[in-house]
Amino acid sequence: MQKEFMKEAILLSLENIQKNSGWPFAAVIVKDGKIVGRGQNEVTSTNDPTAHGEVVAIRDACRNLSTFDLHDCEIYTSCEPCPMCYWAISRARIKKIYYANTEKDAADIGFDDSAFHEDIKKHFSQRNIPVEQLLHDEALEVFKQWSEKKDKIQY
């Protein structure tokens, strides 16, 4: 069954380039042997740099399952996840990642994420995009209020 789910992710990536909707990346999310979320890379068609196939699939699965916690799901993605997608998968608590193409395969066709991989390893002060902290006391007050909130939804 795993190969069938991966074939679906690969088919979605092919369909995406055939309709010129985005890059050749796609993913499906599976729960209890059924696909509950599908996603194709929509970066160029929606002008959303976060609309990678995995992220779109996570959004679809969460909508379909009415939850933000996909701990009992697996993701099948046409390519090894980039750093953003890996963290989105991690945040969704997906229990396993299956991938087809490698990061090197993606780099070979012009989608090289190695600079992101290297940058994320650095401390904020050393990263390519300058980072500066502002209004810590004001923001910390909101955190304090959250901490005291009785009806909050944890995740």
N, C-alpha and C. Protein backbone atom coordinates (compact mmCIF):
# COMPACT_ATOMS: atom_id res chain seq x y z
N MET A 1 0.82 -1.20 0.00
CA MET A 1 0.00 0.00 0.00
C MET A 1 0.87 1.27 0.00
N GLN A 2 2.03 1.20 0.67
CA GLN A 2 2.91 2.37 0.73
C GLN A 2 3.31 2.85 -0.66
N LYS A 3 3.61 1.90 -1.55
CA LYS A 3 4.01 2.28 -2.91
C LYS A 3 2.87 2.98 -3.64
N GLU A 4 1.63 2.57 -3.37
CA GLU A 4 0.47 3.21 -4.01
C GLU A 4 0.34 4.67 -3.55
N PHE A 5 0.58 4.92 -2.27
CA PHE A 5 0.50 6.29 -1.77
C PHE A 5 1.61 7.15 -2.37
N MET A 6 2.81 6.57 -2.50
CA MET A 6 3.91 7.32 -3.12
C MET A 6 3.62 7.57 -4.60
N LYS A 7 3.04 6.58 -5.27
CA LYS A 7 2.67 6.78 -6.68
C LYS A 7 1.69 7.94 -6.81
N GLU A 8 0.78 8.08 -5.86
CA GLU A 8 -0.18 9.19 -5.89
C GLU A 8 0.55 10.52 -5.74
N ALA A 9 1.50 10.59 -4.83
CA ALA A 9 2.27 11.83 -4.65
C ALA A 9 3.04 12.17 -5.92
N ILE A 10 3.65 11.18 -6.53
CA ILE A 10 4.40 11.39 -7.77
C ILE A 10 3.47 11.82 -8.90
N LEU A 11 2.31 11.19 -9.00
CA LEU A 11 1.32 11.56 -10.02
C LEU A 11 0.88 13.02 -9.82
N LEU A 12 0.64 13.42 -8.58
CA LEU A 12 0.26 14.81 -8.30
C LEU A 12 1.37 15.78 -8.71
N SER A 13 2.63 15.39 -8.50
CA SER A 13 3.73 16.27 -8.90
C SER A 13 3.79 16.40 -10.41
N LEU A 14 3.54 15.30 -11.12
CA LEU A 14 3.51 15.33 -12.58
C LEU A 14 2.36 16.19 -13.08
N GLU A 15 1.17 16.00 -12.52
CA GLU A 15 0.01 16.81 -12.92
C GLU A 15 0.28 18.29 -12.69
N ASN A 16 0.99 18.60 -11.63
CA ASN A 16 1.26 20.00 -11.31
C ASN A 16 2.10 20.67 -12.40
N ILE A 17 3.10 19.97 -12.90
CA ILE A 17 3.91 20.60 -13.95
C ILE A 17 3.18 20.58 -15.29
N GLN A 18 2.34 19.58 -15.52
CA GLN A 18 1.59 19.53 -16.78
C GLN A 18 0.60 20.68 -16.88
N LYS A 19 0.01 21.08 -15.77
CA LYS A 19 -0.93 22.20 -15.80
C LYS A 19 -0.24 23.53 -15.48
N ASN A 20 1.09 23.48 -15.33
CA ASN A 20 1.92 24.66 -15.10
C ASN A 20 1.48 25.45 -13.86
N SER A 21 1.11 24.72 -12.82
CA SER A 21 0.64 25.35 -11.58
C SER A 21 1.73 25.52 -10.53
N GLY A 22 2.88 24.91 -10.77
CA GLY A 22 3.96 25.02 -9.79
C GLY A 22 5.06 24.05 -10.08
N TRP A 23 5.92 23.92 -9.12
CA TRP A 23 7.10 23.07 -9.24
C TRP A 23 6.71 21.60 -9.10
N PRO A 24 7.63 20.69 -9.46
CA PRO A 24 7.29 19.25 -9.46
C PRO A 24 7.39 18.60 -8.07
N PHE A 25 6.63 19.14 -7.14
CA PHE A 25 6.62 18.62 -5.78
C PHE A 25 5.17 18.44 -5.32
N ALA A 26 4.89 17.32 -4.67
CA ALA A 26 3.54 17.06 -4.17
C ALA A 26 3.62 16.07 -3.02
N ALA A 27 2.52 15.98 -2.27
CA ALA A 27 2.48 15.08 -1.12
C ALA A 27 1.06 14.63 -0.84
N VAL A 28 0.96 13.47 -0.20
CA VAL A 28 -0.32 13.00 0.32
C VAL A 28 -0.12 12.62 1.78
N ILE A 29 -1.17 12.81 2.55
CA ILE A 29 -1.16 12.44 3.96
C ILE A 29 -2.15 11.31 4.14
N VAL A 30 -1.71 10.29 4.88
CA VAL A 30 -2.48 9.06 5.03
C VAL A 30 -2.76 8.79 6.50
N LYS A 31 -4.01 8.42 6.78
CA LYS A 31 -4.42 8.01 8.11
C LYS A 31 -5.21 6.71 7.97
N ASP A 32 -4.83 5.73 8.72
CA ASP A 32 -5.54 4.44 8.72
C ASP A 32 -5.72 3.88 7.31
N GLY A 33 -4.69 4.01 6.48
CA GLY A 33 -4.73 3.43 5.15
C GLY A 33 -5.52 4.20 4.12
N LYS A 34 -5.93 5.43 4.46
CA LYS A 34 -6.70 6.26 3.52
C LYS A 34 -6.05 7.63 3.37
N ILE A 35 -6.07 8.15 2.17
CA ILE A 35 -5.54 9.50 1.94
C ILE A 35 -6.51 10.51 2.52
N VAL A 36 -6.01 11.36 3.40
CA VAL A 36 -6.84 12.38 4.05
C VAL A 36 -6.42 13.80 3.66
N GLY A 37 -5.31 13.91 2.94
CA GLY A 37 -4.86 15.22 2.51
C GLY A 37 -3.98 15.10 1.28
N ARG A 38 -4.14 16.04 0.36
CA ARG A 38 -3.34 16.09 -0.85
C ARG A 38 -2.81 17.50 -1.02
N GLY A 39 -1.61 17.60 -1.59
CA GLY A 39 -1.07 18.93 -1.84
C GLY A 39 -0.08 18.91 -2.98
N GLN A 40 -0.15 19.95 -3.78
CA GLN A 40 0.81 20.17 -4.86
C GLN A 40 1.47 21.51 -4.60
N ASN A 41 2.69 21.67 -5.08
CA ASN A 41 3.37 22.94 -4.91
C ASN A 41 2.59 24.03 -5.64
N GLU A 42 2.19 25.07 -4.89
CA GLU A 42 1.39 26.16 -5.44
C GLU A 42 2.09 27.51 -5.29
N VAL A 43 3.40 27.49 -5.11
CA VAL A 43 4.13 28.73 -4.85
C VAL A 43 3.90 29.75 -5.96
N THR A 44 4.12 29.36 -7.20
CA THR A 44 4.03 30.32 -8.30
C THR A 44 2.59 30.62 -8.71
N SER A 45 1.69 29.67 -8.54
CA SER A 45 0.30 29.90 -8.95
C SER A 45 -0.49 30.71 -7.93
N THR A 46 -0.04 30.73 -6.67
CA THR A 46 -0.75 31.48 -5.62
C THR A 46 0.09 32.64 -5.06
N ASN A 47 1.32 32.76 -5.55
CA ASN A 47 2.24 33.77 -5.03
C ASN A 47 2.42 33.65 -3.52
N ASP A 48 2.49 32.41 -3.07
CA ASP A 48 2.66 32.11 -1.65
C ASP A 48 3.92 31.26 -1.49
N PRO A 49 5.00 31.83 -0.99
CA PRO A 49 6.25 31.07 -0.87
C PRO A 49 6.19 29.93 0.13
N THR A 50 5.13 29.85 0.94
CA THR A 50 4.99 28.74 1.88
C THR A 50 4.12 27.62 1.31
N ALA A 51 3.61 27.77 0.12
CA ALA A 51 2.67 26.80 -0.45
C ALA A 51 3.40 25.63 -1.12
N HIS A 52 4.31 25.01 -0.38
CA HIS A 52 4.98 23.80 -0.86
C HIS A 52 3.99 22.64 -0.79
N GLY A 53 4.24 21.60 -1.54
CA GLY A 53 3.32 20.46 -1.58
C GLY A 53 3.00 19.89 -0.21
N GLU A 54 4.01 19.75 0.63
CA GLU A 54 3.80 19.18 1.96
C GLU A 54 2.92 20.08 2.82
N VAL A 55 3.18 21.38 2.76
CA VAL A 55 2.40 22.34 3.56
C VAL A 55 0.96 22.37 3.08
N VAL A 56 0.75 22.37 1.78
CA VAL A 56 -0.61 22.35 1.23
C VAL A 56 -1.33 21.06 1.65
N ALA A 57 -0.61 19.93 1.64
CA ALA A 57 -1.21 18.65 2.06
C ALA A 57 -1.56 18.68 3.55
N ILE A 58 -0.70 19.26 4.36
CA ILE A 58 -0.98 19.38 5.80
C ILE A 58 -2.24 20.22 6.01
N ARG A 59 -2.32 21.34 5.33
CA ARG A 59 -3.51 22.21 5.46
C ARG A 59 -4.77 21.45 5.05
N ASP A 60 -4.68 20.69 3.96
CA ASP A 60 -5.83 19.93 3.47
C ASP A 60 -6.23 18.86 4.47
N ALA A 61 -5.27 18.11 4.98
CA ALA A 61 -5.57 17.05 5.96
C ALA A 61 -6.17 17.64 7.24
N CYS A 62 -5.61 18.73 7.71
CA CYS A 62 -6.14 19.35 8.93
C CYS A 62 -7.58 19.82 8.72
N ARG A 63 -7.84 20.40 7.56
CA ARG A 63 -9.21 20.84 7.24
C ARG A 63 -10.15 19.64 7.18
N ASN A 64 -9.72 18.58 6.48
CA ASN A 64 -10.56 17.40 6.31
C ASN A 64 -10.82 16.65 7.62
N LEU A 65 -9.84 16.66 8.51
CA LEU A 65 -9.97 15.94 9.78
C LEU A 65 -10.41 16.84 10.94
N SER A 66 -10.53 18.13 10.68
CA SER A 66 -10.91 19.11 11.71
C SER A 66 -9.99 19.04 12.93
N THR A 67 -8.69 19.04 12.66
CA THR A 67 -7.70 19.00 13.74
C THR A 67 -6.39 19.63 13.28
N PHE A 68 -5.59 20.04 14.23
CA PHE A 68 -4.26 20.54 13.92
C PHE A 68 -3.19 19.52 14.29
N ASP A 69 -3.61 18.38 14.81
CA ASP A 69 -2.70 17.35 15.29
C ASP A 69 -2.83 16.09 14.42
N LEU A 70 -1.80 15.84 13.63
CA LEU A 70 -1.82 14.71 12.70
C LEU A 70 -0.90 13.58 13.19
N HIS A 71 -0.84 13.38 14.50
CA HIS A 71 0.08 12.41 15.09
C HIS A 71 -0.15 10.97 14.61
N ASP A 72 -1.32 10.68 14.14
CA ASP A 72 -1.63 9.33 13.69
C ASP A 72 -1.61 9.23 12.16
N CYS A 73 -0.89 10.14 11.52
CA CYS A 73 -0.81 10.18 10.06
C CYS A 73 0.64 10.00 9.60
N GLU A 74 0.75 9.64 8.33
CA GLU A 74 2.04 9.56 7.65
C GLU A 74 1.97 10.46 6.43
N ILE A 75 3.13 10.93 5.98
CA ILE A 75 3.17 11.75 4.77
C ILE A 75 4.05 11.07 3.73
N TYR A 76 3.57 11.08 2.50
CA TYR A 76 4.29 10.56 1.34
C TYR A 76 4.54 11.77 0.45
N THR A 77 5.81 12.08 0.24
CA THR A 77 6.14 13.28 -0.51
C THR A 77 7.06 12.93 -1.68
N SER A 78 6.86 13.60 -2.79
CA SER A 78 7.60 13.27 -4.00
C SER A 78 9.08 13.60 -3.90
N CYS A 79 9.45 14.38 -2.89
CA CYS A 79 10.85 14.75 -2.71
C CYS A 79 11.15 14.94 -1.23
N GLU A 80 12.37 14.67 -0.86
CA GLU A 80 12.82 14.88 0.52
C GLU A 80 12.43 16.31 0.95
N PRO A 81 11.80 16.46 2.09
CA PRO A 81 11.30 17.79 2.50
C PRO A 81 12.41 18.82 2.72
N CYS A 82 12.12 20.04 2.30
CA CYS A 82 13.01 21.16 2.57
C CYS A 82 12.92 21.48 4.08
N PRO A 83 13.77 22.35 4.59
CA PRO A 83 13.71 22.68 6.02
C PRO A 83 12.34 23.19 6.49
N MET A 84 11.71 24.05 5.71
CA MET A 84 10.40 24.58 6.10
C MET A 84 9.37 23.45 6.19
N CYS A 85 9.37 22.58 5.18
CA CYS A 85 8.39 21.49 5.16
C CYS A 85 8.66 20.50 6.28
N TYR A 86 9.93 20.22 6.53
CA TYR A 86 10.25 19.31 7.63
C TYR A 86 9.69 19.84 8.95
N TRP A 87 9.87 21.13 9.20
CA TRP A 87 9.37 21.70 10.45
C TRP A 87 7.85 21.75 10.48
N ALA A 88 7.22 21.98 9.33
CA ALA A 88 5.75 21.94 9.29
C ALA A 88 5.25 20.53 9.58
N ILE A 89 5.91 19.53 9.01
CA ILE A 89 5.56 18.13 9.28
C ILE A 89 5.74 17.83 10.76
N SER A 90 6.84 18.30 11.30
CA SER A 90 7.12 18.10 12.72
C SER A 90 6.08 18.78 13.60
N ARG A 91 5.71 20.01 13.26
CA ARG A 91 4.71 20.75 14.03
C ARG A 91 3.35 20.09 13.97
N ALA A 92 3.05 19.47 12.84
CA ALA A 92 1.77 18.75 12.70
C ALA A 92 1.82 17.40 13.41
N ARG A 93 2.99 17.04 13.88
CA ARG A 93 3.23 15.79 14.63
C ARG A 93 3.00 14.53 13.79
N ILE A 94 3.23 14.65 12.50
CA ILE A 94 3.11 13.49 11.62
C ILE A 94 4.15 12.45 12.03
N LYS A 95 3.73 11.18 12.10
CA LYS A 95 4.59 10.16 12.70
C LYS A 95 5.66 9.60 11.78
N LYS A 96 5.51 9.71 10.46
CA LYS A 96 6.53 9.17 9.57
C LYS A 96 6.49 9.89 8.23
N ILE A 97 7.69 10.05 7.67
CA ILE A 97 7.86 10.67 6.35
C ILE A 97 8.40 9.61 5.39
N TYR A 98 7.75 9.49 4.25
CA TYR A 98 8.26 8.69 3.14
C TYR A 98 8.54 9.67 2.00
N TYR A 99 9.68 9.54 1.33
CA TYR A 99 9.98 10.45 0.22
C TYR A 99 10.53 9.67 -0.96
N ALA A 100 10.43 10.26 -2.15
CA ALA A 100 10.92 9.63 -3.38
C ALA A 100 12.25 10.26 -3.79
N ASN A 101 12.22 11.43 -4.40
CA ASN A 101 13.45 12.09 -4.83
C ASN A 101 14.21 12.65 -3.63
N THR A 102 15.52 12.79 -3.81
CA THR A 102 16.37 13.31 -2.74
C THR A 102 16.60 14.81 -2.88
N GLU A 103 17.17 15.38 -1.83
CA GLU A 103 17.56 16.79 -1.86
C GLU A 103 18.54 17.04 -3.02
N LYS A 104 19.45 16.11 -3.25
CA LYS A 104 20.40 16.26 -4.36
C LYS A 104 19.69 16.21 -5.70
N ASP A 105 18.71 15.32 -5.85
CA ASP A 105 17.93 15.26 -7.09
C ASP A 105 17.28 16.62 -7.37
N ALA A 106 16.74 17.23 -6.32
CA ALA A 106 16.11 18.55 -6.47
C ALA A 106 17.14 19.60 -6.85
N ALA A 107 18.30 19.57 -6.22
CA ALA A 107 19.36 20.53 -6.54
C ALA A 107 19.80 20.39 -7.99
N ASP A 108 19.84 19.14 -8.46
CA ASP A 108 20.27 18.89 -9.84
C ASP A 108 19.34 19.50 -10.88
N ILE A 109 18.07 19.76 -10.53
CA ILE A 109 17.15 20.39 -11.50
C ILE A 109 16.87 21.85 -11.14
N GLY A 110 17.68 22.41 -10.23
CA GLY A 110 17.59 23.84 -9.95
C GLY A 110 16.89 24.23 -8.66
N PHE A 111 16.56 23.28 -7.81
CA PHE A 111 15.90 23.57 -6.54
C PHE A 111 16.84 23.22 -5.40
N ASP A 112 17.86 24.05 -5.23
CA ASP A 112 18.92 23.78 -4.25
C ASP A 112 18.62 24.47 -2.93
N ASP A 113 18.33 23.69 -1.91
CA ASP A 113 18.03 24.23 -0.58
C ASP A 113 19.23 24.16 0.36
N SER A 114 20.40 23.84 -0.14
CA SER A 114 21.56 23.65 0.75
C SER A 114 21.89 24.92 1.54
N ALA A 115 21.70 26.09 0.95
CA ALA A 115 21.97 27.34 1.68
C ALA A 115 21.03 27.49 2.87
N PHE A 116 19.78 27.06 2.72
CA PHE A 116 18.83 27.11 3.84
C PHE A 116 19.24 26.14 4.94
N HIS A 117 19.66 24.94 4.52
CA HIS A 117 20.11 23.94 5.50
C HIS A 117 21.28 24.47 6.32
N GLU A 118 22.20 25.13 5.66
CA GLU A 118 23.37 25.68 6.36
C GLU A 118 22.99 26.87 7.23
N ASP A 119 22.14 27.74 6.73
CA ASP A 119 21.77 28.95 7.47
C ASP A 119 21.02 28.60 8.77
N ILE A 120 20.14 27.61 8.71
CA ILE A 120 19.32 27.27 9.88
C ILE A 120 20.18 26.71 11.02
N LYS A 121 21.35 26.19 10.70
CA LYS A 121 22.25 25.64 11.73
C LYS A 121 22.90 26.75 12.56
N LYS A 122 22.91 27.95 12.03
CA LYS A 122 23.60 29.07 12.68
C LYS A 122 22.73 29.70 13.77
N HIS A 123 23.37 30.36 14.71
CA HIS A 123 22.65 31.16 15.71
C HIS A 123 21.98 32.33 14.98
N PHE A 124 20.87 32.82 15.53
CA PHE A 124 20.15 33.93 14.88
C PHE A 124 21.08 35.08 14.49
N SER A 125 22.02 35.41 15.34
CA SER A 125 22.91 36.54 15.08
C SER A 125 23.84 36.30 13.90
N GLN A 126 23.96 35.06 13.44
CA GLN A 126 24.88 34.71 12.35
C GLN A 126 24.16 34.40 11.03
N ARG A 127 22.83 34.42 11.04
CA ARG A 127 22.08 34.02 9.86
C ARG A 127 22.07 35.10 8.77
N ASN A 128 21.70 34.68 7.57
CA ASN A 128 21.70 35.58 6.41
C ASN A 128 20.73 36.75 6.54
N ILE A 129 19.60 36.53 7.18
CA ILE A 129 18.61 37.60 7.38
C ILE A 129 18.83 38.18 8.77
N PRO A 130 19.08 39.49 8.87
CA PRO A 130 19.29 40.09 10.19
C PRO A 130 18.07 39.89 11.09
N VAL A 131 18.32 39.61 12.36
CA VAL A 131 17.28 39.38 13.35
C VAL A 131 17.51 40.33 14.51
N GLU A 132 16.45 41.05 14.91
CA GLU A 132 16.57 42.02 16.01
C GLU A 132 15.35 41.91 16.91
N GLN A 133 15.56 41.84 18.19
CA GLN A 133 14.46 41.75 19.15
C GLN A 133 13.95 43.15 19.49
N LEU A 134 12.62 43.29 19.54
CA LEU A 134 11.97 44.56 19.89
C LEU A 134 10.80 44.28 20.84
N LEU A 135 10.51 45.20 21.73
CA LEU A 135 9.34 45.23 22.60
C LEU A 135 9.12 43.92 23.37
N HIS A 136 10.19 43.39 23.93
CA HIS A 136 10.12 42.14 24.67
C HIS A 136 9.14 42.22 25.84
N ASP A 137 9.18 43.29 26.64
CA ASP A 137 8.31 43.40 27.82
C ASP A 137 6.83 43.37 27.43
N GLU A 138 6.47 44.09 26.37
CA GLU A 138 5.09 44.12 25.92
C GLU A 138 4.63 42.74 25.43
N ALA A 139 5.48 42.09 24.68
CA ALA A 139 5.13 40.77 24.16
C ALA A 139 5.09 39.73 25.28
N LEU A 140 5.98 39.87 26.24
CA LEU A 140 6.01 38.93 27.37
C LEU A 140 4.73 39.03 28.20
N GLU A 141 4.14 40.21 28.25
CA GLU A 141 2.88 40.39 28.97
C GLU A 141 1.78 39.53 28.35
N VAL A 142 1.75 39.45 27.04
CA VAL A 142 0.76 38.62 26.34
C VAL A 142 1.00 37.15 26.70
N PHE A 143 2.26 36.74 26.74
CA PHE A 143 2.58 35.36 27.14
C PHE A 143 2.11 35.08 28.56
N LYS A 144 2.26 36.02 29.43
CA LYS A 144 1.80 35.85 30.82
C LYS A 144 0.28 35.67 30.86
N GLN A 145 -0.43 36.47 30.07
CA GLN A 145 -1.88 36.34 30.02
C GLN A 145 -2.28 34.97 29.47
N TRP A 146 -1.57 34.50 28.46
CA TRP A 146 -1.83 33.17 27.90
C TRP A 146 -1.61 32.10 28.97
N SER A 147 -0.55 32.24 29.71
CA SER A 147 -0.21 31.28 30.75
C SER A 147 -1.31 31.16 31.80
N GLU A 148 -1.98 32.27 32.07
CA GLU A 148 -3.04 32.30 33.08
C GLU A 148 -4.43 31.97 32.53
N LYS A 149 -4.56 31.91 31.22
CA LYS A 149 -5.85 31.67 30.58
C LYS A 149 -6.36 30.27 30.91
N LYS A 150 -7.58 30.18 31.36
CA LYS A 150 -8.15 28.90 31.79
C LYS A 150 -8.72 28.08 30.62
N ASP A 151 -9.18 28.72 29.56
CA ASP A 151 -9.84 28.01 28.47
C ASP A 151 -8.99 27.87 27.22
N LYS A 152 -7.66 27.89 27.38
CA LYS A 152 -6.78 27.79 26.20
C LYS A 152 -6.76 26.37 25.65
N ILE A 153 -6.51 26.28 24.37
CA ILE A 153 -6.40 24.99 23.70
C ILE A 153 -4.91 24.73 23.48
N GLN A 154 -4.40 23.71 24.13
CA GLN A 154 -2.99 23.36 24.01
C GLN A 154 -2.70 22.62 22.71
N TYR A 155 -1.49 22.76 22.25
CA TYR A 155 -1.03 21.90 21.14
C TYR A 155 0.42 21.58 21.25
